[in-house]
């Protein structure tokens, strides 16, 4: 009689603060497809590069697509927005992509249960080297209709 092997998936905590959204999400998607569980913290502090006004206009135009009851659904909360960005980078309609997407958790801020965990950042996704204009995901979310109940 053979025993089943239990493989414990490794959990990676990613601090999204000052990381460029697209570059960070592609790294996270790769880790998810490799079988890791990924928890993204500080989602509202992730950064978009480019002029804020043009990105807000682009987002407003995208929000007009679809119907509120049928979809596609457009999230305004930073954690949901980031989650949907990662979803676009995994084959979420296939079984491997579906299981990978289930291993992703995204939080705004740092919840109490994850306070003392060691968090990683991706050096190649760091926004400190950006020379042009940039703004945070939280700022974009407020511009397109999300309001923070904490303030």
C-alpha atoms as a PDB file:
ATOM      1  CA  UNK A   1       0.000   0.000   0.000  1.00  0.00           C
ATOM      2  CA  UNK A   2       1.489   3.333  -1.093  1.00  0.00           C
ATOM      3  CA  UNK A   3       1.196   6.470   0.957  1.00  0.00           C
ATOM      4  CA  UNK A   4       0.246   9.664  -0.778  1.00  0.00           C
ATOM      5  CA  UNK A   5       2.882  12.323  -0.760  1.00  0.00           C
ATOM      6  CA  UNK A   6       1.772  15.575   0.719  1.00  0.00           C
ATOM      7  CA  UNK A   7       3.569  18.525  -0.738  1.00  0.00           C
ATOM      8  CA  UNK A   8       3.226  21.690   1.242  1.00  0.00           C
ATOM      9  CA  UNK A   9       3.124  24.695  -1.062  1.00  0.00           C
ATOM     10  CA  UNK A  10       5.443  27.505  -0.120  1.00  0.00           C
ATOM     11  CA  UNK A  11       3.808  30.797   0.774  1.00  0.00           C
ATOM     12  CA  UNK A  12       5.373  33.987  -0.580  1.00  0.00           C
ATOM     13  CA  UNK A  13       4.499  37.379   0.887  1.00  0.00           C
ATOM     14  CA  UNK A  14       4.981  40.231  -1.588  1.00  0.00           C
ATOM     15  CA  UNK A  15       5.109  43.850  -0.423  1.00  0.00           C
ATOM     16  CA  UNK A  16       3.561  45.804  -3.318  1.00  0.00           C
ATOM     17  CA  UNK A  17       4.691  49.168  -1.962  1.00  0.00           C
ATOM     18  CA  UNK A  18       6.627  51.143  -4.657  1.00  0.00           C
ATOM     19  CA  UNK A  19       6.439  48.241  -7.144  1.00  0.00           C
ATOM     20  CA  UNK A  20       5.255  48.812 -10.715  1.00  0.00           C
ATOM     21  CA  UNK A  21       1.910  47.020 -11.167  1.00  0.00           C
ATOM     22  CA  UNK A  22       2.507  45.225 -14.483  1.00  0.00           C
ATOM     23  CA  UNK A  23       6.011  44.019 -13.713  1.00  0.00           C
ATOM     24  CA  UNK A  24       5.039  42.829 -10.237  1.00  0.00           C
ATOM     25  CA  UNK A  25       1.942  41.004 -11.509  1.00  0.00           C
ATOM     26  CA  UNK A  26       3.913  39.139 -14.185  1.00  0.00           C
ATOM     27  CA  UNK A  27       6.393  37.905 -11.547  1.00  0.00           C
ATOM     28  CA  UNK A  28       3.520  36.880  -9.262  1.00  0.00           C
ATOM     29  CA  UNK A  29       1.738  35.058 -12.110  1.00  0.00           C
ATOM     30  CA  UNK A  30       4.874  33.042 -12.855  1.00  0.00           C
ATOM     31  CA  UNK A  31       5.196  32.017  -9.200  1.00  0.00           C
ATOM     32  CA  UNK A  32       1.521  31.023  -9.086  1.00  0.00           C
ATOM     33  CA  UNK A  33       1.907  28.826 -12.165  1.00  0.00           C
ATOM     34  CA  UNK A  34       4.935  27.186 -10.515  1.00  0.00           C
ATOM     35  CA  UNK A  35       2.732  26.089  -7.610  1.00  0.00           C
ATOM     36  CA  UNK A  36       3.501  28.709  -4.965  1.00  0.00           C
ATOM     37  CA  UNK A  37       0.858  30.413  -2.879  1.00  0.00           C
ATOM     38  CA  UNK A  38       1.289  34.195  -3.143  1.00  0.00           C
ATOM     39  CA  UNK A  39      -0.082  36.819  -0.776  1.00  0.00           C
ATOM     40  CA  UNK A  40       0.240  40.436  -1.942  1.00  0.00           C
ATOM     41  CA  UNK A  41       0.177  43.088   0.783  1.00  0.00           C
ATOM     42  CA  UNK A  42      -0.127  46.905   0.527  1.00  0.00           C
ATOM     43  CA  UNK A  43      -1.992  46.686  -2.789  1.00  0.00           C
ATOM     44  CA  UNK A  44      -3.054  50.342  -2.727  1.00  0.00           C
ATOM     45  CA  UNK A  45       0.607  51.448  -2.695  1.00  0.00           C
ATOM     46  CA  UNK A  46       1.529  49.752  -5.987  1.00  0.00           C
ATOM     47  CA  UNK A  47       2.599  52.211  -8.698  1.00  0.00           C
ATOM     48  CA  UNK A  48       1.516  52.980 -12.265  1.00  0.00           C
ATOM     49  CA  UNK A  49       3.951  54.797 -14.521  1.00  0.00           C
ATOM     50  CA  UNK A  50       2.707  57.516 -16.815  1.00  0.00           C
ATOM     51  CA  UNK A  51       0.610  60.631 -16.560  1.00  0.00           C
ATOM     52  CA  UNK A  52      -2.240  60.302 -14.090  1.00  0.00           C
ATOM     53  CA  UNK A  53      -4.748  62.239 -16.199  1.00  0.00           C
ATOM     54  CA  UNK A  54      -4.364  60.011 -19.266  1.00  0.00           C
ATOM     55  CA  UNK A  55      -4.559  56.807 -17.204  1.00  0.00           C
ATOM     56  CA  UNK A  56      -7.720  58.019 -15.441  1.00  0.00           C
ATOM     57  CA  UNK A  57      -9.355  58.856 -18.793  1.00  0.00           C
ATOM     58  CA  UNK A  58      -8.383  55.397 -20.067  1.00  0.00           C
ATOM     59  CA  UNK A  59      -9.898  53.781 -16.976  1.00  0.00           C
ATOM     60  CA  UNK A  60     -13.124  55.791 -17.300  1.00  0.00           C
ATOM     61  CA  UNK A  61     -13.471  54.698 -20.920  1.00  0.00           C
ATOM     62  CA  UNK A  62     -12.910  51.065 -19.875  1.00  0.00           C
ATOM     63  CA  UNK A  63     -15.590  51.356 -17.166  1.00  0.00           C
ATOM     64  CA  UNK A  64     -18.196  52.136 -19.826  1.00  0.00           C
ATOM     65  CA  UNK A  65     -17.796  48.701 -21.421  1.00  0.00           C
ATOM     66  CA  UNK A  66     -20.457  46.124 -20.518  1.00  0.00           C
ATOM     67  CA  UNK A  67     -23.518  46.188 -18.317  1.00  0.00           C
ATOM     68  CA  UNK A  68     -23.590  46.237 -14.505  1.00  0.00           C
ATOM     69  CA  UNK A  69     -25.740  43.094 -14.225  1.00  0.00           C
ATOM     70  CA  UNK A  70     -24.165  40.982 -16.993  1.00  0.00           C
ATOM     71  CA  UNK A  71     -20.546  42.041 -16.929  1.00  0.00           C
ATOM     72  CA  UNK A  72     -17.709  42.309 -17.551  1.00  0.00           C
ATOM     73  CA  UNK A  73     -17.288  43.524 -13.993  1.00  0.00           C
ATOM     74  CA  UNK A  74     -14.835  46.326 -13.350  1.00  0.00           C
ATOM     75  CA  UNK A  75     -13.495  46.560  -9.848  1.00  0.00           C
ATOM     76  CA  UNK A  76     -12.550  49.855  -8.288  1.00  0.00           C
ATOM     77  CA  UNK A  77     -10.998  48.595  -5.048  1.00  0.00           C
ATOM     78  CA  UNK A  78      -7.197  48.392  -5.303  1.00  0.00           C
ATOM     79  CA  UNK A  79      -6.973  44.797  -4.042  1.00  0.00           C
ATOM     80  CA  UNK A  80      -9.613  43.547  -6.500  1.00  0.00           C
ATOM     81  CA  UNK A  81      -8.064  45.599  -9.319  1.00  0.00           C
ATOM     82  CA  UNK A  82      -4.650  44.006  -8.679  1.00  0.00           C
ATOM     83  CA  UNK A  83      -6.185  40.532  -8.466  1.00  0.00           C
ATOM     84  CA  UNK A  84      -7.856  40.982 -11.854  1.00  0.00           C
ATOM     85  CA  UNK A  85      -4.567  42.205 -13.334  1.00  0.00           C
ATOM     86  CA  UNK A  86      -2.869  38.978 -12.236  1.00  0.00           C
ATOM     87  CA  UNK A  87      -5.835  36.980 -13.573  1.00  0.00           C
ATOM     88  CA  UNK A  88      -5.134  38.405 -17.025  1.00  0.00           C
ATOM     89  CA  UNK A  89      -1.623  36.949 -16.852  1.00  0.00           C
ATOM     90  CA  UNK A  90      -2.605  33.346 -16.055  1.00  0.00           C
ATOM     91  CA  UNK A  91      -4.702  31.052 -18.274  1.00  0.00           C
ATOM     92  CA  UNK A  92      -7.629  31.288 -15.834  1.00  0.00           C
ATOM     93  CA  UNK A  93     -10.048  29.360 -18.053  1.00  0.00           C
ATOM     94  CA  UNK A  94      -7.828  26.255 -18.005  1.00  0.00           C
ATOM     95  CA  UNK A  95      -7.550  23.953 -14.959  1.00  0.00           C
ATOM     96  CA  UNK A  96      -3.913  24.856 -14.231  1.00  0.00           C
ATOM     97  CA  UNK A  97      -4.684  28.574 -14.389  1.00  0.00           C
ATOM     98  CA  UNK A  98      -7.806  28.189 -12.280  1.00  0.00           C
ATOM     99  CA  UNK A  99      -5.906  26.381  -9.535  1.00  0.00           C
ATOM    100  CA  UNK A 100      -3.076  28.929  -9.769  1.00  0.00           C
ATOM    101  CA  UNK A 101      -5.502  31.838  -9.417  1.00  0.00           C
ATOM    102  CA  UNK A 102      -7.015  30.247  -6.303  1.00  0.00           C
ATOM    103  CA  UNK A 103      -3.577  30.402  -4.651  1.00  0.00           C
ATOM    104  CA  UNK A 104      -3.516  34.217  -4.899  1.00  0.00           C
ATOM    105  CA  UNK A 105      -4.613  36.500  -2.061  1.00  0.00           C
ATOM    106  CA  UNK A 106      -4.398  40.293  -2.185  1.00  0.00           C
ATOM    107  CA  UNK A 107      -4.822  42.670   0.765  1.00  0.00           C
ATOM    108  CA  UNK A 108      -4.848  46.417   1.234  1.00  0.00           C
ATOM    109  CA  UNK A 109      -2.408  47.289   3.979  1.00  0.00           C
ATOM    110  CA  UNK A 110      -0.981  44.522   6.166  1.00  0.00           C
ATOM    111  CA  UNK A 111      -3.509  42.446   8.172  1.00  0.00           C
ATOM    112  CA  UNK A 112      -2.611  41.614  11.774  1.00  0.00           C
ATOM    113  CA  UNK A 113      -2.037  37.919  11.034  1.00  0.00           C
ATOM    114  CA  UNK A 114       0.729  38.776   8.531  1.00  0.00           C
ATOM    115  CA  UNK A 115       2.439  41.554  10.540  1.00  0.00           C
ATOM    116  CA  UNK A 116       5.615  39.609  11.437  1.00  0.00           C
ATOM    117  CA  UNK A 117       6.017  37.711   8.139  1.00  0.00           C
ATOM    118  CA  UNK A 118       9.056  38.393   5.985  1.00  0.00           C
ATOM    119  CA  UNK A 119       7.993  40.090   2.768  1.00  0.00           C
ATOM    120  CA  UNK A 120       9.841  40.134  -0.529  1.00  0.00           C
ATOM    121  CA  UNK A 121       9.972  42.767  -3.243  1.00  0.00           C
ATOM    122  CA  UNK A 122      11.046  42.418  -6.846  1.00  0.00           C
ATOM    123  CA  UNK A 123      14.044  44.632  -7.605  1.00  0.00           C
ATOM    124  CA  UNK A 124      13.303  44.720 -11.338  1.00  0.00           C
ATOM    125  CA  UNK A 125       9.778  46.005 -10.598  1.00  0.00           C
ATOM    126  CA  UNK A 126      10.888  48.810  -8.289  1.00  0.00           C
ATOM    127  CA  UNK A 127       9.545  52.254  -9.212  1.00  0.00           C
ATOM    128  CA  UNK A 128      12.418  54.179  -7.647  1.00  0.00           C
ATOM    129  CA  UNK A 129      14.246  54.135 -10.981  1.00  0.00           C
ATOM    130  CA  UNK A 130      11.295  55.742 -12.829  1.00  0.00           C
ATOM    131  CA  UNK A 131      12.225  59.107 -14.231  1.00  0.00           C
ATOM    132  CA  UNK A 132       8.809  60.137 -15.539  1.00  0.00           C
ATOM    133  CA  UNK A 133       5.500  60.759 -13.791  1.00  0.00           C
ATOM    134  CA  UNK A 134       3.916  58.009 -11.721  1.00  0.00           C
ATOM    135  CA  UNK A 135       1.086  57.549  -9.213  1.00  0.00           C
ATOM    136  CA  UNK A 136      -0.265  54.865  -6.883  1.00  0.00           C
ATOM    137  CA  UNK A 137      -3.074  52.396  -7.461  1.00  0.00           C
ATOM    138  CA  UNK A 138      -4.925  53.918  -4.498  1.00  0.00           C
ATOM    139  CA  UNK A 139      -4.929  57.314  -6.224  1.00  0.00           C
ATOM    140  CA  UNK A 140      -6.274  55.771  -9.446  1.00  0.00           C
ATOM    141  CA  UNK A 141      -8.958  53.882  -7.519  1.00  0.00           C
ATOM    142  CA  UNK A 142     -10.178  57.088  -5.854  1.00  0.00           C
ATOM    143  CA  UNK A 143     -10.332  58.828  -9.238  1.00  0.00           C
ATOM    144  CA  UNK A 144     -12.529  56.087 -10.765  1.00  0.00           C
ATOM    145  CA  UNK A 145     -15.020  55.899  -7.920  1.00  0.00           C
ATOM    146  CA  UNK A 146     -13.598  53.936  -4.973  1.00  0.00           C
ATOM    147  CA  UNK A 147     -13.805  55.598  -1.618  1.00  0.00           C
ATOM    148  CA  UNK A 148     -11.838  54.468   1.391  1.00  0.00           C
ATOM    149  CA  UNK A 149     -14.036  54.004   4.457  1.00  0.00           C
ATOM    150  CA  UNK A 150     -10.988  54.253   6.719  1.00  0.00           C
ATOM    151  CA  UNK A 151     -10.447  57.984   6.105  1.00  0.00           C
END
